[in-house]
């Protein structure tokens, strides 16, 4: 009985760890993309006439 509980909790912990890693990687990549897009927009601002 205890082994079944241990296995299920081990699987739940692994799923949580994988989910956390995916969230960190997605957040970092979106941050880099937004910084690059902002830098590109700053480079183009001299061509914009208001």
PDB file of N, CA and C in Angstrom:
ATOM      1  N   UNK A   1       0.818  -1.196   0.000  1.00  0.00           N
ATOM      2  CA  UNK A   1       0.000   0.000   0.000  1.00  0.00           C
ATOM      3  C   UNK A   1       0.862   1.260   0.000  1.00  0.00           C
ATOM      4  N   UNK A   2       1.873   1.276   0.848  1.00  0.00           N
ATOM      5  CA  UNK A   2       2.734   2.456   0.926  1.00  0.00           C
ATOM      6  C   UNK A   2       3.524   2.663  -0.352  1.00  0.00           C
ATOM      7  N   UNK A   3       3.858   1.568  -1.025  1.00  0.00           N
ATOM      8  CA  UNK A   3       4.620   1.687  -2.269  1.00  0.00           C
ATOM      9  C   UNK A   3       3.792   2.355  -3.358  1.00  0.00           C
ATOM     10  N   UNK A   4       2.491   2.057  -3.405  1.00  0.00           N
ATOM     11  CA  UNK A   4       1.618   2.689  -4.397  1.00  0.00           C
ATOM     12  C   UNK A   4       1.527   4.192  -4.149  1.00  0.00           C
ATOM     13  N   UNK A   5       1.403   4.574  -2.894  1.00  0.00           N
ATOM     14  CA  UNK A   5       1.343   5.995  -2.551  1.00  0.00           C
ATOM     15  C   UNK A   5       2.652   6.677  -2.903  1.00  0.00           C
ATOM     16  N   UNK A   6       3.777   6.014  -2.594  1.00  0.00           N
ATOM     17  CA  UNK A   6       5.089   6.587  -2.883  1.00  0.00           C
ATOM     18  C   UNK A   6       5.268   6.781  -4.384  1.00  0.00           C
ATOM     19  N   UNK A   7       4.857   5.799  -5.181  1.00  0.00           N
ATOM     20  CA  UNK A   7       5.002   5.915  -6.639  1.00  0.00           C
ATOM     21  C   UNK A   7       4.143   7.047  -7.197  1.00  0.00           C
ATOM     22  N   UNK A   8       2.908   7.159  -6.705  1.00  0.00           N
ATOM     23  CA  UNK A   8       2.040   8.221  -7.223  1.00  0.00           C
ATOM     24  C   UNK A   8       2.558   9.599  -6.810  1.00  0.00           C
ATOM     25  N   UNK A   9       3.052   9.734  -5.595  1.00  0.00           N
ATOM     26  CA  UNK A   9       3.601  11.016  -5.165  1.00  0.00           C
ATOM     27  C   UNK A   9       4.882  11.347  -5.918  1.00  0.00           C
ATOM     28  N   UNK A  10       5.662  10.326  -6.243  1.00  0.00           N
ATOM     29  CA  UNK A  10       6.884  10.540  -7.019  1.00  0.00           C
ATOM     30  C   UNK A  10       6.538  11.058  -8.415  1.00  0.00           C
ATOM     31  N   UNK A  11       5.500  10.488  -9.027  1.00  0.00           N
ATOM     32  CA  UNK A  11       5.063  10.945 -10.351  1.00  0.00           C
ATOM     33  C   UNK A  11       4.522  12.359 -10.311  1.00  0.00           C
ATOM     34  N   UNK A  12       3.790  12.684  -9.251  1.00  0.00           N
ATOM     35  CA  UNK A  12       3.253  14.035  -9.112  1.00  0.00           C
ATOM     36  C   UNK A  12       4.381  15.041  -8.933  1.00  0.00           C
ATOM     37  N   UNK A  13       5.382  14.683  -8.157  1.00  0.00           N
ATOM     38  CA  UNK A  13       6.533  15.575  -7.963  1.00  0.00           C
ATOM     39  C   UNK A  13       7.306  15.796  -9.246  1.00  0.00           C
ATOM     40  N   UNK A  14       7.478  14.739 -10.020  1.00  0.00           N
ATOM     41  CA  UNK A  14       8.192  14.863 -11.293  1.00  0.00           C
ATOM     42  C   UNK A  14       7.409  15.749 -12.260  1.00  0.00           C
ATOM     43  N   UNK A  15       6.089  15.597 -12.286  1.00  0.00           N
ATOM     44  CA  UNK A  15       5.263  16.425 -13.175  1.00  0.00           C
ATOM     45  C   UNK A  15       5.343  17.893 -12.766  1.00  0.00           C
ATOM     46  N   UNK A  16       5.344  18.161 -11.476  1.00  0.00           N
ATOM     47  CA  UNK A  16       5.472  19.536 -11.009  1.00  0.00           C
ATOM     48  C   UNK A  16       6.813  20.137 -11.361  1.00  0.00           C
ATOM     49  N   UNK A  17       7.858  19.335 -11.252  1.00  0.00           N
ATOM     50  CA  UNK A  17       9.205  19.805 -11.589  1.00  0.00           C
ATOM     51  C   UNK A  17       9.311  20.128 -13.075  1.00  0.00           C
ATOM     52  N   UNK A  18       8.779  19.255 -13.904  1.00  0.00           N
ATOM     53  CA  UNK A  18       8.815  19.486 -15.356  1.00  0.00           C
ATOM     54  C   UNK A  18       8.007  20.728 -15.717  1.00  0.00           C
ATOM     55  N   UNK A  19       6.850  20.890 -15.099  1.00  0.00           N
ATOM     56  CA  UNK A  19       6.026  22.065 -15.353  1.00  0.00           C
ATOM     57  C   UNK A  19       6.756  23.344 -14.954  1.00  0.00           C
ATOM     58  N   UNK A  20       7.443  23.323 -13.826  1.00  0.00           N
ATOM     59  CA  UNK A  20       8.206  24.488 -13.385  1.00  0.00           C
ATOM     60  C   UNK A  20       9.334  24.834 -14.338  1.00  0.00           C
ATOM     61  N   UNK A  21      10.033  23.827 -14.807  1.00  0.00           N
ATOM     62  CA  UNK A  21      11.138  24.066 -15.749  1.00  0.00           C
ATOM     63  C   UNK A  21      10.607  24.647 -17.053  1.00  0.00           C
ATOM     64  N   UNK A  22       9.481  24.125 -17.534  1.00  0.00           N
ATOM     65  CA  UNK A  22       8.895  24.643 -18.774  1.00  0.00           C
ATOM     66  C   UNK A  22       8.467  26.101 -18.593  1.00  0.00           C
ATOM     67  N   UNK A  23       7.901  26.427 -17.440  1.00  0.00           N
ATOM     68  CA  UNK A  23       7.485  27.812 -17.182  1.00  0.00           C
ATOM     69  C   UNK A  23       8.682  28.754 -17.132  1.00  0.00           C
ATOM     70  N   UNK A  24       9.776  28.325 -16.523  1.00  0.00           N
ATOM     71  CA  UNK A  24      10.972  29.161 -16.443  1.00  0.00           C
ATOM     72  C   UNK A  24      11.545  29.400 -17.831  1.00  0.00           C
ATOM     73  N   UNK A  25      11.637  28.349 -18.631  1.00  0.00           N
ATOM     74  CA  UNK A  25      12.195  28.482 -19.983  1.00  0.00           C
ATOM     75  C   UNK A  25      11.303  29.380 -20.841  1.00  0.00           C
ATOM     76  N   UNK A  26       9.989  29.207 -20.732  1.00  0.00           N
ATOM     77  CA  UNK A  26       9.075  30.044 -21.515  1.00  0.00           C
ATOM     78  C   UNK A  26       9.175  31.505 -21.083  1.00  0.00           C
ATOM     79  N   UNK A  27       9.263  31.762 -19.796  1.00  0.00           N
ATOM     80  CA  UNK A  27       9.384  33.137 -19.309  1.00  0.00           C
ATOM     81  C   UNK A  27      10.669  33.800 -19.764  1.00  0.00           C
ATOM     82  N   UNK A  28      11.762  33.060 -19.698  1.00  0.00           N
ATOM     83  CA  UNK A  28      13.037  33.625 -20.145  1.00  0.00           C
ATOM     84  C   UNK A  28      13.028  33.915 -21.642  1.00  0.00           C
ATOM     85  N   UNK A  29      12.480  33.000 -22.425  1.00  0.00           N
ATOM     86  CA  UNK A  29      12.477  33.218 -23.876  1.00  0.00           C
ATOM     87  C   UNK A  29      11.569  34.384 -24.251  1.00  0.00           C
ATOM     88  N   UNK A  30      10.421  34.505 -23.597  1.00  0.00           N
ATOM     89  CA  UNK A  30       9.550  35.644 -23.880  1.00  0.00           C
ATOM     90  C   UNK A  30      10.183  36.961 -23.446  1.00  0.00           C
ATOM     91  N   UNK A  31      10.919  36.949 -22.349  1.00  0.00           N
ATOM     92  CA  UNK A  31      11.620  38.153 -21.915  1.00  0.00           C
ATOM     93  C   UNK A  31      12.683  38.583 -22.907  1.00  0.00           C
ATOM     94  N   UNK A  32      13.437  37.626 -23.407  1.00  0.00           N
ATOM     95  CA  UNK A  32      14.479  37.946 -24.398  1.00  0.00           C
ATOM     96  C   UNK A  32      13.840  38.477 -25.675  1.00  0.00           C
ATOM     97  N   UNK A  33      12.746  37.847 -26.103  1.00  0.00           N
ATOM     98  CA  UNK A  33      12.071  38.303 -27.319  1.00  0.00           C
ATOM     99  C   UNK A  33      11.546  39.730 -27.149  1.00  0.00           C
ATOM    100  N   UNK A  34      10.995  40.047 -25.978  1.00  0.00           N
ATOM    101  CA  UNK A  34      10.476  41.402 -25.765  1.00  0.00           C
ATOM    102  C   UNK A  34      11.594  42.429 -25.704  1.00  0.00           C
ATOM    103  N   UNK A  35      12.732  42.076 -25.129  1.00  0.00           N
ATOM    104  CA  UNK A  35      13.873  43.002 -25.091  1.00  0.00           C
ATOM    105  C   UNK A  35      14.390  43.260 -26.505  1.00  0.00           C
ATOM    106  N   UNK A  36      14.503  42.209 -27.293  1.00  0.00           N
ATOM    107  CA  UNK A  36      14.984  42.360 -28.674  1.00  0.00           C
ATOM    108  C   UNK A  36      13.996  43.186 -29.489  1.00  0.00           C
ATOM    109  N   UNK A  37      12.709  42.948 -29.311  1.00  0.00           N
ATOM    110  CA  UNK A  37      11.701  43.728 -30.046  1.00  0.00           C
ATOM    111  C   UNK A  37      11.735  45.194 -29.631  1.00  0.00           C
ATOM    112  N   UNK A  38      11.908  45.456 -28.351  1.00  0.00           N
ATOM    113  CA  UNK A  38      12.001  46.834 -27.876  1.00  0.00           C
ATOM    114  C   UNK A  38      13.226  47.542 -28.414  1.00  0.00           C
ATOM    115  N   UNK A  39      14.345  46.840 -28.461  1.00  0.00           N
ATOM    116  CA  UNK A  39      15.564  47.436 -29.016  1.00  0.00           C
ATOM    117  C   UNK A  39      15.382  47.738 -30.499  1.00  0.00           C
ATOM    118  N   UNK A  40      14.712  46.857 -31.197  1.00  0.00           N
ATOM    119  CA  UNK A  40      14.461  47.083 -32.620  1.00  0.00           C
ATOM    120  C   UNK A  40      13.537  48.287 -32.817  1.00  0.00           C
ATOM    121  N   UNK A  41      12.519  48.410 -31.966  1.00  0.00           N
ATOM    122  CA  UNK A  41      11.598  49.544 -32.055  1.00  0.00           C
ATOM    123  C   UNK A  41      12.321  50.854 -31.744  1.00  0.00           C
ATOM    124  N   UNK A  42      13.232  50.850 -30.780  1.00  0.00           N
ATOM    125  CA  UNK A  42      14.001  52.056 -30.483  1.00  0.00           C
ATOM    126  C   UNK A  42      14.894  52.448 -31.656  1.00  0.00           C
ATOM    127  N   UNK A  43      15.395  51.439 -32.358  1.00  0.00           N
ATOM    128  CA  UNK A  43      16.212  51.741 -33.520  1.00  0.00           C
ATOM    129  C   UNK A  43      15.408  52.338 -34.663  1.00  0.00           C
ATOM    130  N   UNK A  44      14.140  52.000 -34.729  1.00  0.00           N
ATOM    131  CA  UNK A  44      13.292  52.505 -35.814  1.00  0.00           C
ATOM    132  C   UNK A  44      12.580  53.800 -35.484  1.00  0.00           C
ATOM    133  N   UNK A  45      12.701  54.295 -34.266  1.00  0.00           N
ATOM    134  CA  UNK A  45      11.916  55.460 -33.866  1.00  0.00           C
ATOM    135  C   UNK A  45      12.339  56.742 -34.594  1.00  0.00           C
ATOM    136  N   UNK A  46      13.544  56.821 -35.086  1.00  0.00           N
ATOM    137  CA  UNK A  46      13.949  58.035 -35.806  1.00  0.00           C
ATOM    138  C   UNK A  46      13.290  58.133 -37.170  1.00  0.00           C
ATOM    139  N   UNK A  47      12.727  57.016 -37.657  1.00  0.00           N
ATOM    140  CA  UNK A  47      12.044  57.017 -38.952  1.00  0.00           C
ATOM    141  C   UNK A  47      10.543  57.304 -38.805  1.00  0.00           C
ATOM    142  N   UNK A  48      10.060  57.412 -37.579  1.00  0.00           N
ATOM    143  CA  UNK A  48       8.637  57.646 -37.347  1.00  0.00           C
ATOM    144  C   UNK A  48       8.403  59.149 -37.210  1.00  0.00           C
ATOM    145  N   UNK A  49       7.443  59.663 -37.948  1.00  0.00           N
ATOM    146  CA  UNK A  49       7.108  61.075 -37.897  1.00  0.00           C
ATOM    147  C   UNK A  49       5.748  61.223 -37.219  1.00  0.00           C
ATOM    148  N   UNK A  50       5.671  62.037 -36.184  1.00  0.00           N
ATOM    149  CA  UNK A  50       4.411  62.287 -35.475  1.00  0.00           C
ATOM    150  C   UNK A  50       3.819  63.592 -35.924  1.00  0.00           C
TER     151      UNK A  50
END
